Amino acid sequence: MCEFCEIVKGNEEADIIYEDDKVMAVLNLKPASPGQILLFTKEHYPIMEQVPDPEVAHVFRIANKLST
């Protein structure tokens, strides 16, 4: 199982800064820069092209809000 799925299931510790029914955002434990956020879907998709378009749109709406 992937690390992000483990976070979603609550099996891995993470500093959650946003969560809804489709996505989760956490602070990166080893950030490239201070405050780096990891935003990912709660549903596991092996490759980006498998993510449904409405879900991609949702991810980017949330990314836009979190970037401020």
N, C-alpha and C. Protein backbone atom coordinates (compact mmCIF):
# COMPACT_ATOMS: atom_id res chain seq x y z
N MET A 1 0.85 -1.18 0.00
CA MET A 1 0.00 0.00 0.00
C MET A 1 0.90 1.24 0.00
N CYS A 2 0.46 2.29 -0.67
CA CYS A 2 1.29 3.49 -0.78
C CYS A 2 1.21 4.33 0.50
N GLU A 3 2.21 5.18 0.67
CA GLU A 3 2.32 6.03 1.86
C GLU A 3 1.10 6.94 2.01
N PHE A 4 0.58 7.46 0.91
CA PHE A 4 -0.56 8.37 0.97
C PHE A 4 -1.83 7.63 1.40
N CYS A 5 -2.00 6.41 0.92
CA CYS A 5 -3.15 5.60 1.35
C CYS A 5 -3.08 5.33 2.85
N GLU A 6 -1.88 5.10 3.35
CA GLU A 6 -1.69 4.86 4.78
C GLU A 6 -2.05 6.10 5.60
N ILE A 7 -1.74 7.27 5.08
CA ILE A 7 -2.11 8.52 5.76
C ILE A 7 -3.63 8.66 5.78
N VAL A 8 -4.27 8.42 4.63
CA VAL A 8 -5.73 8.52 4.54
C VAL A 8 -6.40 7.58 5.53
N LYS A 9 -5.88 6.36 5.66
CA LYS A 9 -6.45 5.37 6.58
C LYS A 9 -6.12 5.65 8.04
N GLY A 10 -5.22 6.60 8.29
CA GLY A 10 -4.84 6.92 9.67
C GLY A 10 -3.74 6.04 10.22
N ASN A 11 -3.09 5.25 9.36
CA ASN A 11 -2.03 4.35 9.80
C ASN A 11 -0.65 5.03 9.87
N GLU A 12 -0.53 6.18 9.20
CA GLU A 12 0.71 6.96 9.22
C GLU A 12 0.41 8.32 9.83
N GLU A 13 1.34 8.81 10.62
CA GLU A 13 1.17 10.12 11.25
C GLU A 13 1.37 11.22 10.21
N ALA A 14 0.54 12.25 10.28
CA ALA A 14 0.65 13.39 9.37
C ALA A 14 0.00 14.61 10.00
N ASP A 15 0.54 15.78 9.67
CA ASP A 15 -0.06 17.04 10.09
C ASP A 15 -1.05 17.47 9.01
N ILE A 16 -2.31 17.11 9.21
CA ILE A 16 -3.35 17.39 8.23
C ILE A 16 -3.73 18.87 8.32
N ILE A 17 -3.70 19.55 7.18
CA ILE A 17 -4.08 20.96 7.16
C ILE A 17 -5.39 21.20 6.40
N TYR A 18 -5.81 20.20 5.61
CA TYR A 18 -7.09 20.29 4.91
C TYR A 18 -7.55 18.87 4.61
N GLU A 19 -8.86 18.68 4.70
CA GLU A 19 -9.44 17.38 4.35
C GLU A 19 -10.90 17.56 3.99
N ASP A 20 -11.32 16.90 2.92
CA ASP A 20 -12.74 16.78 2.60
C ASP A 20 -12.99 15.35 2.13
N ASP A 21 -14.11 15.10 1.50
CA ASP A 21 -14.43 13.72 1.12
C ASP A 21 -13.59 13.19 -0.03
N LYS A 22 -12.91 14.07 -0.79
CA LYS A 22 -12.14 13.63 -1.96
C LYS A 22 -10.63 13.79 -1.82
N VAL A 23 -10.18 14.79 -1.06
CA VAL A 23 -8.74 15.07 -1.00
C VAL A 23 -8.27 15.30 0.43
N MET A 24 -6.95 15.25 0.59
CA MET A 24 -6.32 15.53 1.87
C MET A 24 -5.04 16.32 1.59
N ALA A 25 -4.75 17.29 2.44
CA ALA A 25 -3.51 18.06 2.34
C ALA A 25 -2.78 17.95 3.67
N VAL A 26 -1.49 17.65 3.60
CA VAL A 26 -0.67 17.50 4.81
C VAL A 26 0.62 18.28 4.61
N LEU A 27 1.24 18.64 5.73
CA LEU A 27 2.56 19.25 5.65
C LEU A 27 3.58 18.16 5.34
N ASN A 28 4.51 18.47 4.47
CA ASN A 28 5.55 17.53 4.10
C ASN A 28 6.50 17.35 5.28
N LEU A 29 6.81 16.11 5.65
CA LEU A 29 7.72 15.85 6.77
C LEU A 29 9.15 16.26 6.44
N LYS A 30 9.52 16.24 5.17
CA LYS A 30 10.86 16.66 4.73
C LYS A 30 10.69 17.70 3.62
N PRO A 31 10.26 18.92 3.99
CA PRO A 31 9.93 19.92 2.98
C PRO A 31 11.15 20.43 2.22
N ALA A 32 10.95 20.71 0.93
CA ALA A 32 11.98 21.34 0.12
C ALA A 32 12.08 22.82 0.49
N SER A 33 10.96 23.37 0.95
CA SER A 33 10.93 24.75 1.45
C SER A 33 9.92 24.79 2.59
N PRO A 34 10.08 25.75 3.51
CA PRO A 34 9.16 25.81 4.66
C PRO A 34 7.69 25.91 4.22
N GLY A 35 6.86 25.12 4.87
CA GLY A 35 5.43 25.16 4.58
C GLY A 35 5.00 24.36 3.37
N GLN A 36 5.87 23.54 2.81
CA GLN A 36 5.50 22.74 1.64
C GLN A 36 4.35 21.81 1.99
N ILE A 37 3.35 21.80 1.12
CA ILE A 37 2.13 21.01 1.33
C ILE A 37 2.07 19.89 0.30
N LEU A 38 1.61 18.73 0.75
CA LEU A 38 1.32 17.61 -0.15
C LEU A 38 -0.20 17.50 -0.24
N LEU A 39 -0.74 17.62 -1.43
CA LEU A 39 -2.18 17.52 -1.67
C LEU A 39 -2.41 16.30 -2.55
N PHE A 40 -3.30 15.41 -2.11
CA PHE A 40 -3.52 14.17 -2.86
C PHE A 40 -4.96 13.71 -2.71
N THR A 41 -5.39 12.89 -3.67
CA THR A 41 -6.73 12.33 -3.62
C THR A 41 -6.78 11.23 -2.57
N LYS A 42 -7.93 11.04 -1.98
CA LYS A 42 -8.09 9.96 -1.01
C LYS A 42 -8.21 8.61 -1.71
N GLU A 43 -8.70 8.62 -2.92
CA GLU A 43 -8.77 7.41 -3.73
C GLU A 43 -7.40 7.19 -4.36
N HIS A 44 -6.91 5.97 -4.35
CA HIS A 44 -5.61 5.67 -4.94
C HIS A 44 -5.73 5.51 -6.45
N TYR A 45 -4.90 6.25 -7.17
CA TYR A 45 -4.81 6.11 -8.62
C TYR A 45 -3.34 5.90 -8.95
N PRO A 46 -2.99 4.78 -9.63
CA PRO A 46 -1.58 4.51 -9.93
C PRO A 46 -0.94 5.55 -10.85
N ILE A 47 -1.72 6.09 -11.80
CA ILE A 47 -1.18 7.10 -12.71
C ILE A 47 -2.19 8.23 -12.89
N MET A 48 -1.67 9.42 -13.17
CA MET A 48 -2.49 10.63 -13.26
C MET A 48 -3.65 10.50 -14.26
N GLU A 49 -3.41 9.86 -15.38
CA GLU A 49 -4.47 9.80 -16.40
C GLU A 49 -5.67 8.97 -15.96
N GLN A 50 -5.56 8.24 -14.87
CA GLN A 50 -6.70 7.47 -14.35
C GLN A 50 -7.60 8.29 -13.43
N VAL A 51 -7.14 9.46 -13.02
CA VAL A 51 -7.95 10.30 -12.14
C VAL A 51 -9.07 10.93 -12.98
N PRO A 52 -10.33 10.76 -12.56
CA PRO A 52 -11.44 11.33 -13.32
C PRO A 52 -11.34 12.86 -13.40
N ASP A 53 -11.72 13.42 -14.53
CA ASP A 53 -11.62 14.87 -14.75
C ASP A 53 -12.26 15.71 -13.65
N PRO A 54 -13.46 15.36 -13.17
CA PRO A 54 -14.05 16.17 -12.09
C PRO A 54 -13.18 16.17 -10.82
N GLU A 55 -12.52 15.05 -10.56
CA GLU A 55 -11.67 14.97 -9.38
C GLU A 55 -10.39 15.80 -9.56
N VAL A 56 -9.85 15.79 -10.77
CA VAL A 56 -8.69 16.64 -11.08
C VAL A 56 -9.07 18.11 -10.87
N ALA A 57 -10.23 18.50 -11.37
CA ALA A 57 -10.69 19.88 -11.22
C ALA A 57 -10.81 20.24 -9.74
N HIS A 58 -11.33 19.33 -8.94
CA HIS A 58 -11.48 19.57 -7.50
C HIS A 58 -10.10 19.75 -6.84
N VAL A 59 -9.16 18.89 -7.18
CA VAL A 59 -7.80 18.99 -6.63
C VAL A 59 -7.22 20.37 -6.92
N PHE A 60 -7.37 20.84 -8.14
CA PHE A 60 -6.79 22.13 -8.50
C PHE A 60 -7.53 23.31 -7.86
N ARG A 61 -8.84 23.18 -7.64
CA ARG A 61 -9.55 24.24 -6.90
C ARG A 61 -9.01 24.34 -5.48
N ILE A 62 -8.81 23.19 -4.84
CA ILE A 62 -8.29 23.18 -3.47
C ILE A 62 -6.85 23.67 -3.47
N ALA A 63 -6.04 23.25 -4.41
CA ALA A 63 -4.64 23.70 -4.50
C ALA A 63 -4.58 25.22 -4.62
N ASN A 64 -5.46 25.77 -5.42
CA ASN A 64 -5.49 27.22 -5.59
C ASN A 64 -5.81 27.92 -4.27
N LYS A 65 -6.76 27.40 -3.52
CA LYS A 65 -7.12 28.00 -2.22
C LYS A 65 -5.99 27.84 -1.19
N LEU A 66 -5.37 26.67 -1.17
CA LEU A 66 -4.30 26.41 -0.20
C LEU A 66 -3.04 27.22 -0.53
N SER A 67 -2.84 27.58 -1.77
CA SER A 67 -1.63 28.29 -2.16
C SER A 67 -1.57 29.70 -1.58
N THR A 68 -2.71 30.23 -1.17
CA THR A 68 -2.72 31.57 -0.59
C THR A 68 -2.30 31.48 0.86
